[in-house]
C-alpha cells in the first residue's frame, strides 16, 4: 500500500513539473520568398 502511494505521489509531482515547463520559443523567421515562374520573370524582369 505504501509503495502504491509513493508511485501516485511521484506521478503527481511529475505531472506538476510538466505543467510548469515553459513552451519552446516560437519560430520568428519569415517564410522564404515566393519564387517567380519563367513567364513572370520574362514579363517583369528579374527581381533585385
N, C-alpha and C. Protein backbone atom coordinates (compact mmCIF):
# COMPACT_ATOMS: atom_id res chain seq x y z
N UNK A 1 0.82 -1.19 0.00
CA UNK A 1 0.00 0.00 0.00
C UNK A 1 0.87 1.26 0.00
N UNK A 2 1.94 1.22 0.78
CA UNK A 2 2.82 2.38 0.85
C UNK A 2 3.52 2.59 -0.49
N UNK A 3 3.86 1.50 -1.16
CA UNK A 3 4.52 1.60 -2.48
C UNK A 3 3.59 2.25 -3.49
N UNK A 4 2.31 1.91 -3.45
CA UNK A 4 1.35 2.48 -4.38
C UNK A 4 1.19 3.98 -4.14
N UNK A 5 1.17 4.39 -2.87
CA UNK A 5 1.03 5.82 -2.57
C UNK A 5 2.28 6.59 -3.01
N UNK A 6 3.45 5.96 -2.93
CA UNK A 6 4.67 6.61 -3.41
C UNK A 6 4.64 6.79 -4.93
N UNK A 7 4.14 5.80 -5.63
CA UNK A 7 4.04 5.89 -7.09
C UNK A 7 3.05 6.98 -7.48
N UNK A 8 1.92 7.05 -6.79
CA UNK A 8 0.94 8.09 -7.08
C UNK A 8 1.53 9.48 -6.80
N UNK A 9 2.22 9.62 -5.70
CA UNK A 9 2.83 10.90 -5.35
C UNK A 9 3.89 11.30 -6.38
N UNK A 10 4.70 10.35 -6.81
CA UNK A 10 5.72 10.63 -7.83
C UNK A 10 5.07 11.03 -9.15
N UNK A 11 3.96 10.38 -9.49
CA UNK A 11 3.25 10.71 -10.72
C UNK A 11 2.67 12.12 -10.68
N UNK A 12 2.09 12.47 -9.54
CA UNK A 12 1.53 13.82 -9.38
C UNK A 12 2.63 14.86 -9.46
N UNK A 13 3.77 14.58 -8.84
CA UNK A 13 4.90 15.51 -8.90
C UNK A 13 5.40 15.67 -10.33
N UNK A 14 5.51 14.57 -11.06
CA UNK A 14 5.97 14.64 -12.44
C UNK A 14 4.99 15.42 -13.31
N UNK A 15 3.70 15.22 -13.10
CA UNK A 15 2.71 15.97 -13.87
C UNK A 15 2.75 17.46 -13.52
N UNK A 16 2.97 17.79 -12.27
CA UNK A 16 3.07 19.19 -11.87
C UNK A 16 4.28 19.86 -12.51
N UNK A 17 5.40 19.14 -12.55
CA UNK A 17 6.59 19.70 -13.19
C UNK A 17 6.38 19.88 -14.69
N UNK A 18 5.71 18.93 -15.31
CA UNK A 18 5.46 19.02 -16.74
C UNK A 18 4.52 20.19 -17.05
N UNK A 19 3.57 20.45 -16.18
CA UNK A 19 2.63 21.54 -16.42
C UNK A 19 3.31 22.89 -16.28
N UNK A 20 4.35 22.97 -15.47
CA UNK A 20 5.05 24.24 -15.25
C UNK A 20 6.17 24.48 -16.26
N UNK A 21 6.48 23.50 -17.07
CA UNK A 21 7.57 23.65 -18.03
C UNK A 21 7.20 24.72 -19.05
N UNK A 22 8.19 25.47 -19.48
CA UNK A 22 7.95 26.53 -20.45
C UNK A 22 7.88 25.94 -21.84
N UNK A 23 7.07 26.55 -22.67
CA UNK A 23 6.95 26.12 -24.06
C UNK A 23 8.16 26.63 -24.84
N UNK A 24 8.56 25.92 -25.90
CA UNK A 24 9.69 26.41 -26.69
C UNK A 24 9.34 27.73 -27.38
N UNK A 25 10.35 28.52 -27.61
CA UNK A 25 10.14 29.83 -28.24
C UNK A 25 9.61 29.63 -29.66
N UNK A 26 8.67 30.47 -30.09
CA UNK A 26 8.13 30.33 -31.45
C UNK A 26 9.18 30.70 -32.49
N UNK A 27 9.08 30.10 -33.65
CA UNK A 27 10.00 30.37 -34.75
C UNK A 27 9.57 31.68 -35.41
N UNK A 28 10.40 32.72 -35.31
CA UNK A 28 10.05 34.04 -35.82
C UNK A 28 10.70 34.37 -37.16
N UNK A 29 11.33 33.39 -37.79
CA UNK A 29 11.94 33.66 -39.09
C UNK A 29 10.86 33.78 -40.15
N UNK A 30 11.00 34.74 -41.05
CA UNK A 30 9.98 34.91 -42.09
C UNK A 30 10.03 33.76 -43.09
N UNK A 31 8.92 33.46 -43.72
CA UNK A 31 8.92 32.38 -44.72
C UNK A 31 9.74 32.80 -45.93
N UNK A 32 10.26 31.83 -46.67
CA UNK A 32 11.06 32.19 -47.84
C UNK A 32 10.21 32.90 -48.88
N UNK A 33 10.87 33.72 -49.67
CA UNK A 33 10.17 34.48 -50.70
C UNK A 33 9.57 33.58 -51.76
N UNK A 34 8.53 34.08 -52.40
CA UNK A 34 7.85 33.31 -53.43
C UNK A 34 8.70 33.31 -54.69
N UNK A 35 8.89 32.13 -55.26
CA UNK A 35 9.67 32.02 -56.49
C UNK A 35 8.82 32.47 -57.67
N UNK A 36 9.45 33.17 -58.58
CA UNK A 36 8.75 33.62 -59.79
C UNK A 36 8.91 32.56 -60.87
N UNK A 37 7.85 32.35 -61.64
CA UNK A 37 7.95 31.40 -62.74
C UNK A 37 8.60 32.09 -63.94
N UNK A 38 8.90 31.33 -64.97
CA UNK A 38 9.64 31.85 -66.13
C UNK A 38 8.86 32.95 -66.84
N UNK A 39 7.56 32.79 -66.99
CA UNK A 39 6.77 33.79 -67.70
C UNK A 39 6.78 35.12 -66.95
N UNK A 40 6.60 35.08 -65.64
CA UNK A 40 6.60 36.31 -64.85
C UNK A 40 7.97 36.98 -64.90
N UNK A 41 9.03 36.19 -64.88
CA UNK A 41 10.38 36.76 -64.94
C UNK A 41 10.60 37.44 -66.29
N UNK A 42 10.15 36.83 -67.36
CA UNK A 42 10.31 37.44 -68.68
C UNK A 42 9.48 38.72 -68.80
N UNK A 43 8.28 38.73 -68.23
CA UNK A 43 7.42 39.90 -68.35
C UNK A 43 7.87 41.06 -67.48
N UNK A 44 8.35 40.77 -66.27
CA UNK A 44 8.67 41.83 -65.30
C UNK A 44 10.16 42.05 -65.12
N UNK A 45 10.98 41.18 -65.61
CA UNK A 45 12.41 41.26 -65.36
C UNK A 45 12.75 40.56 -64.05
N UNK A 46 14.01 40.25 -63.86
CA UNK A 46 14.40 39.56 -62.62
C UNK A 46 14.26 40.47 -61.41
N UNK A 47 14.04 39.84 -60.25
CA UNK A 47 13.95 40.61 -59.01
C UNK A 47 15.32 41.09 -58.59
N UNK A 48 15.37 42.21 -57.94
CA UNK A 48 16.65 42.72 -57.46
C UNK A 48 16.69 42.70 -55.98
